[in-house]
PDB file of N, CA and C in Angstrom:
ATOM      1  N   MET A   1     -26.604-184.129 -76.985  1.00  0.00           N
ATOM      2  CA  MET A   1     -27.147-183.665 -75.725  1.00  0.00           C
ATOM      3  C   MET A   1     -28.200-182.605 -75.986  1.00  0.00           C
ATOM      4  N   ALA A   2     -29.252-182.639 -75.234  1.00  0.00           N
ATOM      5  CA  ALA A   2     -30.349-181.704 -75.426  1.00  0.00           C
ATOM      6  C   ALA A   2     -29.916-180.297 -75.027  1.00  0.00           C
ATOM      7  N   LYS A   3     -30.340-179.323 -75.805  1.00  0.00           N
ATOM      8  CA  LYS A   3     -29.986-177.941 -75.531  1.00  0.00           C
ATOM      9  C   LYS A   3     -31.016-177.270 -74.635  1.00  0.00           C
ATOM     10  N   LYS A   4     -32.275-177.671 -74.781  1.00  0.00           N
ATOM     11  CA  LYS A   4     -33.348-177.084 -73.992  1.00  0.00           C
ATOM     12  C   LYS A   4     -33.379-177.713 -72.607  1.00  0.00           C
ATOM     13  N   LYS A   5     -33.776-176.935 -71.619  1.00  0.00           N
ATOM     14  CA  LYS A   5     -33.880-177.447 -70.259  1.00  0.00           C
ATOM     15  C   LYS A   5     -35.340-177.514 -69.856  1.00  0.00           C
ATOM     16  N   LEU A   6     -35.712-178.615 -69.222  1.00  0.00           N
ATOM     17  CA  LEU A   6     -37.058-178.768 -68.696  1.00  0.00           C
ATOM     18  C   LEU A   6     -37.047-178.415 -67.216  1.00  0.00           C
ATOM     19  N   THR A   7     -38.110-177.776 -66.756  1.00  0.00           N
ATOM     20  CA  THR A   7     -38.219-177.488 -65.334  1.00  0.00           C
ATOM     21  C   THR A   7     -38.813-178.696 -64.618  1.00  0.00           C
ATOM     22  N   PHE A   8     -38.701-178.702 -63.315  1.00  0.00           N
ATOM     23  CA  PHE A   8     -39.252-179.784 -62.513  1.00  0.00           C
ATOM     24  C   PHE A   8     -40.759-179.893 -62.721  1.00  0.00           C
ATOM     25  N   ASP A   9     -41.441-178.753 -62.766  1.00  0.00           N
ATOM     26  CA  ASP A   9     -42.896-178.770 -62.975  1.00  0.00           C
ATOM     27  C   ASP A   9     -43.262-179.370 -64.329  1.00  0.00           C
ATOM     28  N   GLU A  10     -42.479-179.059 -65.368  1.00  0.00           N
ATOM     29  CA  GLU A  10     -42.735-179.626 -66.691  1.00  0.00           C
ATOM     30  C   GLU A  10     -42.519-181.141 -66.692  1.00  0.00           C
ATOM     31  N   ILE A  11     -41.524-181.590 -65.947  1.00  0.00           N
ATOM     32  CA  ILE A  11     -41.269-183.030 -65.854  1.00  0.00           C
ATOM     33  C   ILE A  11     -42.425-183.713 -65.125  1.00  0.00           C
ATOM     34  N   MET A  12     -42.968-183.073 -64.109  1.00  0.00           N
ATOM     35  CA  MET A  12     -44.113-183.658 -63.400  1.00  0.00           C
ATOM     36  C   MET A  12     -45.338-183.745 -64.316  1.00  0.00           C
ATOM     37  N   VAL A  13     -45.537-182.753 -65.169  1.00  0.00           N
ATOM     38  CA  VAL A  13     -46.643-182.797 -66.134  1.00  0.00           C
ATOM     39  C   VAL A  13     -46.420-183.940 -67.120  1.00  0.00           C
ATOM     40  N   LEU A  14     -45.179-184.095 -67.602  1.00  0.00           N
ATOM     41  CA  LEU A  14     -44.863-185.207 -68.505  1.00  0.00           C
ATOM     42  C   LEU A  14     -45.129-186.547 -67.833  1.00  0.00           C
ATOM     43  N   ALA A  15     -44.750-186.660 -66.556  1.00  0.00           N
ATOM     44  CA  ALA A  15     -44.963-187.913 -65.828  1.00  0.00           C
ATOM     45  C   ALA A  15     -46.453-188.253 -65.762  1.00  0.00           C
ATOM     46  N   GLU A  16     -47.260-187.237 -65.579  1.00  0.00           N
ATOM     47  CA  GLU A  16     -48.705-187.473 -65.541  1.00  0.00           C
ATOM     48  C   GLU A  16     -49.217-187.878 -66.923  1.00  0.00           C
ATOM     49  N   GLN A  17     -48.724-187.215 -67.963  1.00  0.00           N
ATOM     50  CA  GLN A  17     -49.146-187.545 -69.331  1.00  0.00           C
ATOM     51  C   GLN A  17     -48.739-188.969 -69.714  1.00  0.00           C
ATOM     52  N   TYR A  18     -47.580-189.407 -69.255  1.00  0.00           N
ATOM     53  CA  TYR A  18     -47.072-190.733 -69.598  1.00  0.00           C
ATOM     54  C   TYR A  18     -47.528-191.810 -68.605  1.00  0.00           C
ATOM     55  N   GLY A  19     -48.269-191.423 -67.583  1.00  0.00           N
ATOM     56  CA  GLY A  19     -48.830-192.384 -66.650  1.00  0.00           C
ATOM     57  C   GLY A  19     -47.858-192.955 -65.636  1.00  0.00           C
ATOM     58  N   VAL A  20     -46.791-192.219 -65.311  1.00  0.00           N
ATOM     59  CA  VAL A  20     -45.819-192.732 -64.334  1.00  0.00           C
ATOM     60  C   VAL A  20     -45.748-191.863 -63.074  1.00  0.00           C
ATOM     61  N   LYS A  21     -46.645-190.906 -62.954  1.00  0.00           N
ATOM     62  CA  LYS A  21     -46.582-189.998 -61.803  1.00  0.00           C
ATOM     63  C   LYS A  21     -46.722-190.740 -60.479  1.00  0.00           C
ATOM     64  N   ASP A  22     -47.468-191.856 -60.473  1.00  0.00           N
ATOM     65  CA  ASP A  22     -47.664-192.629 -59.247  1.00  0.00           C
ATOM     66  C   ASP A  22     -46.759-193.859 -59.179  1.00  0.00           C
ATOM     67  N   ASN A  23     -45.880-194.026 -60.172  1.00  0.00           N
ATOM     68  CA  ASN A  23     -44.937-195.142 -60.174  1.00  0.00           C
ATOM     69  C   ASN A  23     -43.982-194.984 -58.998  1.00  0.00           C
ATOM     70  N   ILE A  24     -43.747-196.076 -58.267  1.00  0.00           N
ATOM     71  CA  ILE A  24     -42.922-196.011 -57.051  1.00  0.00           C
ATOM     72  C   ILE A  24     -41.503-195.512 -57.334  1.00  0.00           C
ATOM     73  N   LEU A  25     -40.952-195.895 -58.482  1.00  0.00           N
ATOM     74  CA  LEU A  25     -39.607-195.421 -58.835  1.00  0.00           C
ATOM     75  C   LEU A  25     -39.610-193.920 -59.088  1.00  0.00           C
ATOM     76  N   PHE A  26     -40.632-193.454 -59.794  1.00  0.00           N
ATOM     77  CA  PHE A  26     -40.717-192.024 -60.091  1.00  0.00           C
ATOM     78  C   PHE A  26     -40.988-191.224 -58.821  1.00  0.00           C
ATOM     79  N   VAL A  27     -41.879-191.724 -57.978  1.00  0.00           N
ATOM     80  CA  VAL A  27     -42.193-191.029 -56.722  1.00  0.00           C
ATOM     81  C   VAL A  27     -40.939-190.935 -55.856  1.00  0.00           C
ATOM     82  N   SER A  28     -40.194-192.031 -55.775  1.00  0.00           N
ATOM     83  CA  SER A  28     -38.960-192.043 -54.989  1.00  0.00           C
ATOM     84  C   SER A  28     -37.948-191.042 -55.538  1.00  0.00           C
ATOM     85  N   ALA A  29     -37.775-191.024 -56.854  1.00  0.00           N
ATOM     86  CA  ALA A  29     -36.819-190.101 -57.474  1.00  0.00           C
ATOM     87  C   ALA A  29     -37.257-188.650 -57.279  1.00  0.00           C
ATOM     88  N   SER A  30     -38.553-188.379 -57.385  1.00  0.00           N
ATOM     89  CA  SER A  30     -39.019-186.996 -57.225  1.00  0.00           C
ATOM     90  C   SER A  30     -38.867-186.530 -55.776  1.00  0.00           C
ATOM     91  N   LYS A  31     -39.087-187.424 -54.813  1.00  0.00           N
ATOM     92  CA  LYS A  31     -38.866-187.054 -53.408  1.00  0.00           C
ATOM     93  C   LYS A  31     -37.383-186.806 -53.135  1.00  0.00           C
ATOM     94  N   ARG A  32     -36.550-187.650 -53.714  1.00  0.00           N
ATOM     95  CA  ARG A  32     -35.102-187.483 -53.568  1.00  0.00           C
ATOM     96  C   ARG A  32     -34.678-186.136 -54.159  1.00  0.00           C
ATOM     97  N   TYR A  33     -35.215-185.806 -55.334  1.00  0.00           N
ATOM     98  CA  TYR A  33     -34.878-184.532 -55.970  1.00  0.00           C
ATOM     99  C   TYR A  33     -35.337-183.352 -55.114  1.00  0.00           C
ATOM    100  N   ALA A  34     -36.528-183.452 -54.535  1.00  0.00           N
ATOM    101  CA  ALA A  34     -37.034-182.371 -53.688  1.00  0.00           C
ATOM    102  C   ALA A  34     -36.105-182.128 -52.501  1.00  0.00           C
ATOM    103  N   GLY A  35     -35.599-183.199 -51.904  1.00  0.00           N
ATOM    104  CA  GLY A  35     -34.657-183.060 -50.797  1.00  0.00           C
ATOM    105  C   GLY A  35     -33.340-182.447 -51.244  1.00  0.00           C
ATOM    106  N   GLN A  36     -32.876-182.856 -52.416  1.00  0.00           N
ATOM    107  CA  GLN A  36     -31.630-182.300 -52.951  1.00  0.00           C
ATOM    108  C   GLN A  36     -31.794-180.814 -53.255  1.00  0.00           C
ATOM    109  N   LEU A  37     -32.943-180.454 -53.815  1.00  0.00           N
ATOM    110  CA  LEU A  37     -33.208-179.054 -54.132  1.00  0.00           C
ATOM    111  C   LEU A  37     -33.264-178.217 -52.858  1.00  0.00           C
ATOM    112  N   GLU A  38     -33.858-178.773 -51.818  1.00  0.00           N
ATOM    113  CA  GLU A  38     -33.914-178.061 -50.540  1.00  0.00           C
ATOM    114  C   GLU A  38     -32.503-177.831 -49.983  1.00  0.00           C
ATOM    115  N   MET A  39     -31.643-178.841 -50.102  1.00  0.00           N
ATOM    116  CA  MET A  39     -30.269-178.700 -49.624  1.00  0.00           C
ATOM    117  C   MET A  39     -29.516-177.649 -50.439  1.00  0.00           C
ATOM    118  N   ILE A  40     -29.714-177.640 -51.750  1.00  0.00           N
ATOM    119  CA  ILE A  40     -29.065-176.640 -52.605  1.00  0.00           C
ATOM    120  C   ILE A  40     -29.504-175.238 -52.204  1.00  0.00           C
ATOM    121  N   GLU A  41     -30.778-175.066 -51.954  1.00  0.00           N
ATOM    122  CA  GLU A  41     -31.290-173.757 -51.541  1.00  0.00           C
ATOM    123  C   GLU A  41     -30.714-173.333 -50.197  1.00  0.00           C
ATOM    124  N   MET A  42     -30.539-174.279 -49.273  1.00  0.00           N
ATOM    125  CA  MET A  42     -29.947-173.967 -47.970  1.00  0.00           C
ATOM    126  C   MET A  42     -28.489-173.539 -48.133  1.00  0.00           C
ATOM    127  N   ILE A  43     -27.756-174.237 -48.998  1.00  0.00           N
ATOM    128  CA  ILE A  43     -26.354-173.881 -49.242  1.00  0.00           C
ATOM    129  C   ILE A  43     -26.269-172.492 -49.859  1.00  0.00           C
ATOM    130  N   GLN A  44     -27.109-172.220 -50.853  1.00  0.00           N
ATOM    131  CA  GLN A  44     -27.090-170.910 -51.500  1.00  0.00           C
ATOM    132  C   GLN A  44     -27.443-169.799 -50.516  1.00  0.00           C
ATOM    133  N   GLU A  45     -28.402-170.059 -49.651  1.00  0.00           N
ATOM    134  CA  GLU A  45     -28.782-169.066 -48.648  1.00  0.00           C
ATOM    135  C   GLU A  45     -27.627-168.797 -47.687  1.00  0.00           C
ATOM    136  N   ASP A  46     -26.945-169.841 -47.258  1.00  0.00           N
ATOM    137  CA  ASP A  46     -25.806-169.671 -46.359  1.00  0.00           C
ATOM    138  C   ASP A  46     -24.684-168.892 -47.045  1.00  0.00           C
ATOM    139  N   LEU A  47     -24.440-169.195 -48.315  1.00  0.00           N
ATOM    140  CA  LEU A  47     -23.396-168.469 -49.046  1.00  0.00           C
ATOM    141  C   LEU A  47     -23.768-166.996 -49.206  1.00  0.00           C
ATOM    142  N   ARG A  48     -25.047-166.705 -49.416  1.00  0.00           N
ATOM    143  CA  ARG A  48     -25.484-165.304 -49.506  1.00  0.00           C
ATOM    144  C   ARG A  48     -25.322-164.608 -48.160  1.00  0.00           C
ATOM    145  N   ASP A  49     -25.700-165.296 -47.074  1.00  0.00           N
ATOM    146  CA  ASP A  49     -25.671-164.683 -45.750  1.00  0.00           C
ATOM    147  C   ASP A  49     -24.253-164.500 -45.211  1.00  0.00           C
ATOM    148  N   ARG A  50     -23.445-165.556 -45.292  1.00  0.00           N
ATOM    149  CA  ARG A  50     -22.105-165.512 -44.695  1.00  0.00           C
ATOM    150  C   ARG A  50     -21.018-165.123 -45.679  1.00  0.00           C
ATOM    151  N   GLY A  51     -21.282-165.276 -46.963  1.00  0.00           N
ATOM    152  CA  GLY A  51     -20.288-164.903 -47.968  1.00  0.00           C
ATOM    153  C   GLY A  51     -19.365-166.061 -48.327  1.00  0.00           C
ATOM    154  N   LEU A  52     -18.503-165.795 -49.299  1.00  0.00           N
ATOM    155  CA  LEU A  52     -17.573-166.822 -49.771  1.00  0.00           C
ATOM    156  C   LEU A  52     -16.370-166.977 -48.852  1.00  0.00           C
ATOM    157  N   ILE A  53     -16.034-165.920 -48.116  1.00  0.00           N
ATOM    158  CA  ILE A  53     -14.916-165.958 -47.180  1.00  0.00           C
ATOM    159  C   ILE A  53     -15.478-165.851 -45.768  1.00  0.00           C
ATOM    160  N   ILE A  54     -15.081-166.791 -44.910  1.00  0.00           N
ATOM    161  CA  ILE A  54     -15.496-166.762 -43.507  1.00  0.00           C
ATOM    162  C   ILE A  54     -14.247-166.759 -42.640  1.00  0.00           C
ATOM    163  N   THR A  55     -14.414-166.539 -41.374  1.00  0.00           N
ATOM    164  CA  THR A  55     -13.259-166.576 -40.476  1.00  0.00           C
ATOM    165  C   THR A  55     -13.334-167.816 -39.602  1.00  0.00           C
ATOM    166  N   LYS A  56     -12.169-168.335 -39.319  1.00  0.00           N
ATOM    167  CA  LYS A  56     -12.052-169.516 -38.470  1.00  0.00           C
ATOM    168  C   LYS A  56     -11.019-169.187 -37.394  1.00  0.00           C
ATOM    169  N   VAL A  57     -11.256-169.639 -36.203  1.00  0.00           N
ATOM    170  CA  VAL A  57     -10.312-169.412 -35.117  1.00  0.00           C
ATOM    171  C   VAL A  57      -9.329-170.573 -35.105  1.00  0.00           C
ATOM    172  N   ASN A  58      -8.039-170.247 -35.251  1.00  0.00           N
ATOM    173  CA  ASN A  58      -7.029-171.312 -35.235  1.00  0.00           C
ATOM    174  C   ASN A  58      -6.644-171.658 -33.800  1.00  0.00           C
ATOM    175  N   THR A  59      -5.705-172.565 -33.633  1.00  0.00           N
ATOM    176  CA  THR A  59      -5.333-173.051 -32.296  1.00  0.00           C
ATOM    177  C   THR A  59      -4.706-171.969 -31.432  1.00  0.00           C
ATOM    178  N   ASN A  60      -4.181-170.908 -32.051  1.00  0.00           N
ATOM    179  CA  ASN A  60      -3.598-169.803 -31.287  1.00  0.00           C
ATOM    180  C   ASN A  60      -4.640-168.778 -30.872  1.00  0.00           C
ATOM    181  N   GLY A  61      -5.874-168.967 -31.308  1.00  0.00           N
ATOM    182  CA  GLY A  61      -6.931-168.031 -30.979  1.00  0.00           C
ATOM    183  C   GLY A  61      -7.073-166.895 -31.968  1.00  0.00           C
ATOM    184  N   ASP A  62      -6.321-166.949 -33.068  1.00  0.00           N
ATOM    185  CA  ASP A  62      -6.383-165.895 -34.078  1.00  0.00           C
ATOM    186  C   ASP A  62      -7.493-166.191 -35.084  1.00  0.00           C
ATOM    187  N   ASP A  63      -8.134-165.130 -35.562  1.00  0.00           N
ATOM    188  CA  ASP A  63      -9.121-165.270 -36.634  1.00  0.00           C
ATOM    189  C   ASP A  63      -8.391-165.354 -37.967  1.00  0.00           C
ATOM    190  N   VAL A  64      -8.690-166.408 -38.702  1.00  0.00           N
ATOM    191  CA  VAL A  64      -8.049-166.632 -39.993  1.00  0.00           C
ATOM    192  C   VAL A  64      -9.132-166.690 -41.068  1.00  0.00           C
ATOM    193  N   PRO A  65      -8.984-165.883 -42.134  1.00  0.00           N
ATOM    194  CA  PRO A  65      -9.972-165.959 -43.206  1.00  0.00           C
ATOM    195  C   PRO A  65      -9.774-167.237 -44.040  1.00  0.00           C
ATOM    196  N   ILE A  66     -10.884-167.934 -44.307  1.00  0.00           N
ATOM    197  CA  ILE A  66     -10.829-169.139 -45.141  1.00  0.00           C
ATOM    198  C   ILE A  66     -12.029-169.118 -46.097  1.00  0.00           C
ATOM    199  N   ALA A  67     -11.926-169.915 -47.131  1.00  0.00           N
ATOM    200  CA  ALA A  67     -13.059-170.044 -48.056  1.00  0.00           C
ATOM    201  C   ALA A  67     -14.184-170.803 -47.355  1.00  0.00           C
ATOM    202  N   ASN A  68     -15.392-170.371 -47.581  1.00  0.00           N
ATOM    203  CA  ASN A  68     -16.549-171.046 -47.020  1.00  0.00           C
ATOM    204  C   ASN A  68     -16.564-172.489 -47.543  1.00  0.00           C
ATOM    205  N   PRO A  69     -16.572-173.487 -46.671  1.00  0.00           N
ATOM    206  CA  PRO A  69     -16.534-174.884 -47.117  1.00  0.00           C
ATOM    207  C   PRO A  69     -17.724-175.281 -48.005  1.00  0.00           C
ATOM    208  N   LEU A  70     -18.799-174.544 -47.913  1.00  0.00           N
ATOM    209  CA  LEU A  70     -19.970-174.873 -48.733  1.00  0.00           C
ATOM    210  C   LEU A  70     -19.746-174.563 -50.210  1.00  0.00           C
ATOM    211  N   THR A  71     -18.735-173.736 -50.532  1.00  0.00           N
ATOM    212  CA  THR A  71     -18.463-173.459 -51.940  1.00  0.00           C
ATOM    213  C   THR A  71     -18.055-174.736 -52.671  1.00  0.00           C
ATOM    214  N   ALA A  72     -17.453-175.673 -51.974  1.00  0.00           N
ATOM    215  CA  ALA A  72     -17.069-176.949 -52.586  1.00  0.00           C
ATOM    216  C   ALA A  72     -18.240-177.918 -52.649  1.00  0.00           C
ATOM    217  N   GLN A  73     -19.227-177.748 -51.796  1.00  0.00           N
ATOM    218  CA  GLN A  73     -20.357-178.669 -51.744  1.00  0.00           C
ATOM    219  C   GLN A  73     -21.430-178.358 -52.781  1.00  0.00           C
ATOM    220  N   LEU A  74     -21.586-177.085 -53.116  1.00  0.00           N
ATOM    221  CA  LEU A  74     -22.655-176.696 -54.039  1.00  0.00           C
ATOM    222  C   LEU A  74     -22.571-177.406 -55.389  1.00  0.00           C
ATOM    223  N   PRO A  75     -21.418-177.461 -56.054  1.00  0.00           N
ATOM    224  CA  PRO A  75     -21.362-178.174 -57.338  1.00  0.00           C
ATOM    225  C   PRO A  75     -21.681-179.662 -57.204  1.00  0.00           C
ATOM    226  N   LYS A  76     -21.309-180.264 -56.099  1.00  0.00           N
ATOM    227  CA  LYS A  76     -21.598-181.686 -55.887  1.00  0.00           C
ATOM    228  C   LYS A  76     -23.101-181.923 -55.793  1.00  0.00           C
ATOM    229  N   TYR A  77     -23.782-181.095 -55.019  1.00  0.00           N
ATOM    230  CA  TYR A  77     -25.231-181.245 -54.881  1.00  0.00           C
ATOM    231  C   TYR A  77     -25.945-180.950 -56.200  1.00  0.00           C
ATOM    232  N   ASN A  78     -25.455-179.949 -56.942  1.00  0.00           N
ATOM    233  CA  ASN A  78     -26.043-179.659 -58.250  1.00  0.00           C
ATOM    234  C   ASN A  78     -25.901-180.841 -59.193  1.00  0.00           C
ATOM    235  N   GLU A  79     -24.739-181.469 -59.196  1.00  0.00           N
ATOM    236  CA  GLU A  79     -24.503-182.619 -60.075  1.00  0.00           C
ATOM    237  C   GLU A  79     -25.437-183.781 -59.721  1.00  0.00           C
ATOM    238  N   VAL A  80     -25.572-184.055 -58.447  1.00  0.00           N
ATOM    239  CA  VAL A  80     -26.447-185.146 -58.009  1.00  0.00           C
ATOM    240  C   VAL A  80     -27.902-184.842 -58.366  1.00  0.00           C
ATOM    241  N   ALA A  81     -28.329-183.601 -58.176  1.00  0.00           N
ATOM    242  CA  ALA A  81     -29.704-183.223 -58.509  1.00  0.00           C
ATOM    243  C   ALA A  81     -29.944-183.363 -60.014  1.00  0.00           C
ATOM    244  N   ASN A  82     -28.976-182.966 -60.832  1.00  0.00           N
ATOM    245  CA  ASN A  82     -29.120-183.111 -62.282  1.00  0.00           C
ATOM    246  C   ASN A  82     -29.212-184.575 -62.692  1.00  0.00           C
ATOM    247  N   LYS A  83     -28.452-185.425 -62.037  1.00  0.00           N
ATOM    248  CA  LYS A  83     -28.524-186.858 -62.332  1.00  0.00           C
ATOM    249  C   LYS A  83     -29.884-187.426 -61.929  1.00  0.00           C
ATOM    250  N   THR A  84     -30.415-186.954 -60.819  1.00  0.00           N
ATOM    251  CA  THR A  84     -31.734-187.412 -60.377  1.00  0.00           C
ATOM    252  C   THR A  84     -32.807-187.010 -61.385  1.00  0.00           C
ATOM    253  N   LEU A  85     -32.714-185.799 -61.922  1.00  0.00           N
ATOM    254  CA  LEU A  85     -33.661-185.386 -62.963  1.00  0.00           C
ATOM    255  C   LEU A  85     -33.517-186.266 -64.197  1.00  0.00           C
ATOM    256  N   GLY A  86     -32.281-186.649 -64.528  1.00  0.00           N
ATOM    257  CA  GLY A  86     -32.066-187.565 -65.643  1.00  0.00           C
ATOM    258  C   GLY A  86     -32.719-188.911 -65.404  1.00  0.00           C
ATOM    259  N   VAL A  87     -32.647-189.392 -64.179  1.00  0.00           N
ATOM    260  CA  VAL A  87     -33.310-190.656 -63.820  1.00  0.00           C
ATOM    261  C   VAL A  87     -34.818-190.517 -63.997  1.00  0.00           C
ATOM    262  N   MET A  88     -35.351-189.390 -63.588  1.00  0.00           N
ATOM    263  CA  MET A  88     -36.793-189.164 -63.727  1.00  0.00           C
ATOM    264  C   MET A  88     -37.200-189.183 -65.203  1.00  0.00           C
ATOM    265  N   LEU A  89     -36.397-188.557 -66.068  1.00  0.00           N
ATOM    266  CA  LEU A  89     -36.691-188.572 -67.502  1.00  0.00           C
ATOM    267  C   LEU A  89     -36.600-189.986 -68.067  1.00  0.00           C
ATOM    268  N   ASN A  90     -35.610-190.754 -67.605  1.00  0.00           N
ATOM    269  CA  ASN A  90     -35.483-192.143 -68.065  1.00  0.00           C
ATOM    270  C   ASN A  90     -36.687-192.981 -67.645  1.00  0.00           C
ATOM    271  N   ILE A  91     -37.170-192.766 -66.443  1.00  0.00           N
ATOM    272  CA  ILE A  91     -38.350-193.501 -65.976  1.00  0.00           C
ATOM    273  C   ILE A  91     -39.553-193.161 -66.852  1.00  0.00           C
ATOM    274  N   ILE A  92     -39.721-191.878 -67.153  1.00  0.00           N
ATOM    275  CA  ILE A  92     -40.829-191.471 -68.021  1.00  0.00           C
ATOM    276  C   ILE A  92     -40.697-192.129 -69.392  1.00  0.00           C
ATOM    277  N   GLU A  93     -39.492-192.074 -69.938  1.00  0.00           N
ATOM    278  CA  GLU A  93     -39.263-192.588 -71.287  1.00  0.00           C
ATOM    279  C   GLU A  93     -39.435-194.107 -71.361  1.00  0.00           C
ATOM    280  N   GLN A  94     -38.910-194.831 -70.370  1.00  0.00           N
ATOM    281  CA  GLN A  94     -38.875-196.286 -70.455  1.00  0.00           C
ATOM    282  C   GLN A  94     -40.102-196.968 -69.859  1.00  0.00           C
ATOM    283  N   LEU A  95     -40.720-196.379 -68.861  1.00  0.00           N
ATOM    284  CA  LEU A  95     -41.848-197.033 -68.203  1.00  0.00           C
ATOM    285  C   LEU A  95     -43.192-196.408 -68.548  1.00  0.00           C
ATOM    286  N   GLY A  96     -43.152-195.235 -69.168  1.00  0.00           N
ATOM    287  CA  GLY A  96     -44.396-194.554 -69.493  1.00  0.00           C
ATOM    288  C   GLY A  96     -45.043-195.097 -70.748  1.00  0.00           C
ATOM    289  N   THR A  97     -46.341-194.878 -70.826  1.00  0.00           N
ATOM    290  CA  THR A  97     -47.070-195.248 -72.035  1.00  0.00           C
ATOM    291  C   THR A  97     -46.831-194.179 -73.086  1.00  0.00           C
ATOM    292  N   ALA A  98     -46.926-194.561 -74.343  1.00  0.00           N
ATOM    293  CA  ALA A  98     -46.633-193.633 -75.432  1.00  0.00           C
ATOM    294  C   ALA A  98     -47.583-192.448 -75.406  1.00  0.00           C
ATOM    295  N   ALA A  99     -47.008-191.277 -75.537  1.00  0.00           N
ATOM    296  CA  ALA A  99     -47.793-190.048 -75.611  1.00  0.00           C
ATOM    297  C   ALA A  99     -47.961-189.671 -77.078  1.00  0.00           C
ATOM    298  N   PRO A 100     -48.866-188.792 -77.382  1.00  0.00           N
ATOM    299  CA  PRO A 100     -49.057-188.395 -78.768  1.00  0.00           C
ATOM    300  C   PRO A 100     -47.801-187.775 -79.367  1.00  0.00           C
ATOM    301  N   ALA A 101     -47.650-187.893 -80.670  1.00  0.00           N
ATOM    302  CA  ALA A 101     -46.483-187.336 -81.364  1.00  0.00           C
ATOM    303  C   ALA A 101     -46.441-185.829 -81.147  1.00  0.00           C
ATOM    304  N   GLY A 102     -45.235-185.308 -81.059  1.00  0.00           N
ATOM    305  CA  GLY A 102     -45.070-183.875 -80.862  1.00  0.00           C
ATOM    306  C   GLY A 102     -45.146-183.441 -79.417  1.00  0.00           C
ATOM    307  N   ASP A 103     -45.044-184.390 -78.480  1.00  0.00           N
ATOM    308  CA  ASP A 103     -45.089-184.019 -77.067  1.00  0.00           C
ATOM    309  C   ASP A 103     -43.744-183.446 -76.641  1.00  0.00           C
ATOM    310  N   LYS A 104     -43.702-182.842 -75.465  1.00  0.00           N
ATOM    311  CA  LYS A 104     -42.496-182.165 -74.996  1.00  0.00           C
ATOM    312  C   LYS A 104     -41.324-183.116 -74.791  1.00  0.00           C
ATOM    313  N   LEU A 105     -41.582-184.340 -74.312  1.00  0.00           N
ATOM    314  CA  LEU A 105     -40.489-185.275 -74.089  1.00  0.00           C
ATOM    315  C   LEU A 105     -39.821-185.651 -75.396  1.00  0.00           C
ATOM    316  N   SER A 106     -40.601-185.938 -76.410  1.00  0.00           N
ATOM    317  CA  SER A 106     -40.034-186.284 -77.715  1.00  0.00           C
ATOM    318  C   SER A 106     -39.233-185.115 -78.268  1.00  0.00           C
ATOM    319  N   GLU A 107     -39.763-183.911 -78.146  1.00  0.00           N
ATOM    320  CA  GLU A 107     -39.057-182.726 -78.608  1.00  0.00           C
ATOM    321  C   GLU A 107     -37.744-182.570 -77.861  1.00  0.00           C
ATOM    322  N   PHE A 108     -37.784-182.769 -76.545  1.00  0.00           N
ATOM    323  CA  PHE A 108     -36.593-182.613 -75.712  1.00  0.00           C
ATOM    324  C   PHE A 108     -35.535-183.657 -76.084  1.00  0.00           C
ATOM    325  N   LEU A 109     -35.938-184.898 -76.244  1.00  0.00           N
ATOM    326  CA  LEU A 109     -34.992-185.974 -76.529  1.00  0.00           C
ATOM    327  C   LEU A 109     -34.424-185.890 -77.938  1.00  0.00           C
ATOM    328  N   ASN A 110     -35.151-185.278 -78.872  1.00  0.00           N
ATOM    329  CA  ASN A 110     -34.693-185.190 -80.254  1.00  0.00           C
ATOM    330  C   ASN A 110     -33.839-183.973 -80.535  1.00  0.00           C
ATOM    331  N   GLU A 111     -33.703-183.070 -79.570  1.00  0.00           N
ATOM    332  CA  GLU A 111     -32.874-181.871 -79.781  1.00  0.00           C
ATOM    333  C   GLU A 111     -31.418-182.212 -79.724  1.00  0.00           C
TER     334      GLU A 111
END
């Protein structure tokens, strides 16, 4: 498994270098990732604003402290976003034209 992490911007540069930036599969995956990233940011913002513990009114009308339900959703969205980035790298690797030796993708895949 690769130890180094690529940023989204670096992956977009690689896609352009490999000639897949306009590929329909890559465009679809990048749009999907952008939506996932937006959702992750919304969850993180809500967790910062409301905190990890929130109150819920039970059937008796009492306020009961509970864990913020978004704490369970954040890891799921992160996992899906990471898989989408993996799909983007696979598209670059399998559908892209060969880039010169010593490029970032080769370095990343060989680590």
